[in-house]
Amino acid sequence: MDKSFEDNYKKMEELLEDLEENKDNLDESIRIYQQANELYKQLKDQLGEYKAKVEVITGNE
């Protein structure tokens, strides 16, 4: 099941905090960055879906 935008956003914040804390471990930083990048794509897609819904509701297609 897909997570909500809010859940994904919270996870992104956690990943960014983890990335800041792991400055000395390059392998771990790369792993976190990869996770954050995938999550960014999901968030971007979710925002696109919300935007389309709002445009339909407001008639601004």
N, C-alpha and C. Protein backbone atom coordinates (compact mmCIF):
# COMPACT_ATOMS: atom_id res chain seq x y z
N MET A 1 0.83 -1.19 0.00
CA MET A 1 0.00 0.00 0.00
C MET A 1 0.88 1.25 0.00
N ASP A 2 0.51 2.21 -0.82
CA ASP A 2 1.27 3.46 -0.88
C ASP A 2 1.07 4.25 0.40
N LYS A 3 2.13 4.92 0.79
CA LYS A 3 2.03 5.77 1.97
C LYS A 3 1.47 7.13 1.58
N SER A 4 0.91 7.81 2.57
CA SER A 4 0.35 9.14 2.31
C SER A 4 1.49 10.13 2.06
N PHE A 5 1.12 11.25 1.47
CA PHE A 5 2.10 12.31 1.23
C PHE A 5 2.75 12.72 2.54
N GLU A 6 1.93 12.84 3.57
CA GLU A 6 2.44 13.28 4.87
C GLU A 6 3.45 12.28 5.45
N ASP A 7 3.14 10.98 5.31
CA ASP A 7 4.07 9.95 5.79
C ASP A 7 5.38 10.00 5.00
N ASN A 8 5.27 10.14 3.69
CA ASN A 8 6.47 10.22 2.85
C ASN A 8 7.29 11.46 3.17
N TYR A 9 6.61 12.57 3.41
CA TYR A 9 7.32 13.82 3.73
C TYR A 9 8.06 13.69 5.06
N LYS A 10 7.41 13.07 6.03
CA LYS A 10 8.06 12.87 7.33
C LYS A 10 9.29 11.97 7.17
N LYS A 11 9.15 10.92 6.37
CA LYS A 11 10.29 10.02 6.12
C LYS A 11 11.43 10.79 5.45
N MET A 12 11.10 11.68 4.52
CA MET A 12 12.13 12.48 3.85
C MET A 12 12.87 13.34 4.87
N GLU A 13 12.14 13.95 5.78
CA GLU A 13 12.79 14.75 6.82
C GLU A 13 13.73 13.89 7.65
N GLU A 14 13.30 12.67 7.98
CA GLU A 14 14.15 11.76 8.75
C GLU A 14 15.40 11.39 7.98
N LEU A 15 15.25 11.12 6.68
CA LEU A 15 16.41 10.77 5.86
C LEU A 15 17.39 11.93 5.77
N LEU A 16 16.88 13.14 5.65
CA LEU A 16 17.77 14.30 5.59
C LEU A 16 18.53 14.49 6.90
N GLU A 17 17.86 14.25 8.01
CA GLU A 17 18.54 14.31 9.31
C GLU A 17 19.61 13.24 9.39
N ASP A 18 19.28 12.02 8.95
CA ASP A 18 20.25 10.93 8.95
C ASP A 18 21.45 11.27 8.08
N LEU A 19 21.19 11.88 6.95
CA LEU A 19 22.27 12.25 6.03
C LEU A 19 23.21 13.26 6.69
N GLU A 20 22.65 14.22 7.39
CA GLU A 20 23.47 15.21 8.09
C GLU A 20 24.29 14.57 9.20
N GLU A 21 23.75 13.56 9.85
CA GLU A 21 24.43 12.91 10.96
C GLU A 21 25.51 11.94 10.51
N ASN A 22 25.45 11.46 9.28
CA ASN A 22 26.38 10.45 8.78
C ASN A 22 27.45 11.05 7.87
N LYS A 23 27.98 12.17 8.24
CA LYS A 23 28.97 12.84 7.40
C LYS A 23 30.27 12.06 7.28
N ASP A 24 30.57 11.22 8.26
CA ASP A 24 31.84 10.49 8.26
C ASP A 24 31.76 9.13 7.58
N ASN A 25 30.59 8.69 7.20
CA ASN A 25 30.43 7.37 6.61
C ASN A 25 29.88 7.52 5.20
N LEU A 26 30.76 7.48 4.22
CA LEU A 26 30.37 7.72 2.83
C LEU A 26 29.40 6.66 2.32
N ASP A 27 29.65 5.39 2.61
CA ASP A 27 28.75 4.33 2.14
C ASP A 27 27.33 4.52 2.67
N GLU A 28 27.23 4.82 3.94
CA GLU A 28 25.92 5.04 4.55
C GLU A 28 25.26 6.29 3.98
N SER A 29 26.03 7.32 3.75
CA SER A 29 25.50 8.56 3.16
C SER A 29 24.95 8.30 1.76
N ILE A 30 25.65 7.50 0.98
CA ILE A 30 25.19 7.17 -0.37
C ILE A 30 23.88 6.38 -0.30
N ARG A 31 23.80 5.42 0.62
CA ARG A 31 22.59 4.62 0.79
C ARG A 31 21.40 5.51 1.16
N ILE A 32 21.63 6.42 2.09
CA ILE A 32 20.57 7.34 2.52
C ILE A 32 20.17 8.25 1.36
N TYR A 33 21.15 8.74 0.62
CA TYR A 33 20.87 9.62 -0.52
C TYR A 33 20.02 8.89 -1.56
N GLN A 34 20.32 7.62 -1.81
CA GLN A 34 19.54 6.84 -2.78
C GLN A 34 18.09 6.70 -2.31
N GLN A 35 17.91 6.42 -1.03
CA GLN A 35 16.55 6.32 -0.48
C GLN A 35 15.82 7.65 -0.62
N ALA A 36 16.50 8.73 -0.29
CA ALA A 36 15.89 10.06 -0.36
C ALA A 36 15.52 10.40 -1.80
N ASN A 37 16.36 10.02 -2.75
CA ASN A 37 16.10 10.31 -4.15
C ASN A 37 14.86 9.57 -4.64
N GLU A 38 14.71 8.31 -4.26
CA GLU A 38 13.52 7.55 -4.63
C GLU A 38 12.27 8.14 -3.98
N LEU A 39 12.40 8.53 -2.74
CA LEU A 39 11.27 9.12 -2.03
C LEU A 39 10.89 10.47 -2.64
N TYR A 40 11.89 11.24 -3.07
CA TYR A 40 11.63 12.51 -3.74
C TYR A 40 10.77 12.29 -4.99
N LYS A 41 11.09 11.26 -5.75
CA LYS A 41 10.32 10.96 -6.96
C LYS A 41 8.87 10.63 -6.61
N GLN A 42 8.68 9.87 -5.53
CA GLN A 42 7.32 9.54 -5.09
C GLN A 42 6.56 10.80 -4.66
N LEU A 43 7.23 11.65 -3.89
CA LEU A 43 6.60 12.89 -3.44
C LEU A 43 6.22 13.78 -4.62
N LYS A 44 7.11 13.86 -5.59
CA LYS A 44 6.85 14.68 -6.78
C LYS A 44 5.63 14.14 -7.54
N ASP A 45 5.55 12.82 -7.67
CA ASP A 45 4.40 12.21 -8.35
C ASP A 45 3.11 12.47 -7.57
N GLN A 46 3.18 12.34 -6.25
CA GLN A 46 2.00 12.59 -5.43
C GLN A 46 1.54 14.04 -5.57
N LEU A 47 2.47 14.97 -5.57
CA LEU A 47 2.09 16.38 -5.73
C LEU A 47 1.45 16.62 -7.09
N GLY A 48 1.97 15.96 -8.12
CA GLY A 48 1.39 16.07 -9.45
C GLY A 48 -0.05 15.58 -9.48
N GLU A 49 -0.30 14.48 -8.77
CA GLU A 49 -1.66 13.95 -8.70
C GLU A 49 -2.59 14.91 -7.97
N TYR A 50 -2.11 15.48 -6.87
CA TYR A 50 -2.93 16.45 -6.13
C TYR A 50 -3.20 17.69 -6.97
N LYS A 51 -2.19 18.13 -7.69
CA LYS A 51 -2.36 19.31 -8.54
C LYS A 51 -3.43 19.05 -9.60
N ALA A 52 -3.38 17.88 -10.21
CA ALA A 52 -4.37 17.54 -11.24
C ALA A 52 -5.78 17.50 -10.65
N LYS A 53 -5.91 16.96 -9.45
CA LYS A 53 -7.23 16.92 -8.79
C LYS A 53 -7.75 18.33 -8.52
N VAL A 54 -6.88 19.20 -8.04
CA VAL A 54 -7.29 20.58 -7.75
C VAL A 54 -7.68 21.29 -9.04
N GLU A 55 -6.94 21.05 -10.12
CA GLU A 55 -7.27 21.68 -11.39
C GLU A 55 -8.63 21.22 -11.90
N VAL A 56 -8.95 19.96 -11.71
CA VAL A 56 -10.27 19.45 -12.12
C VAL A 56 -11.36 20.11 -11.28
N ILE A 57 -11.13 20.19 -9.98
CA ILE A 57 -12.12 20.79 -9.09
C ILE A 57 -12.36 22.25 -9.42
N THR A 58 -11.28 22.98 -9.71
CA THR A 58 -11.41 24.42 -9.96
C THR A 58 -11.67 24.74 -11.42
N GLY A 59 -11.62 23.73 -12.29
CA GLY A 59 -11.86 23.96 -13.71
C GLY A 59 -10.68 24.55 -14.44
N ASN A 60 -9.49 24.43 -13.89
CA ASN A 60 -8.27 24.97 -14.51
C ASN A 60 -7.43 23.84 -15.11
N GLU A 61 -8.01 23.12 -16.04
CA GLU A 61 -7.29 21.98 -16.63
C GLU A 61 -6.27 22.44 -17.62
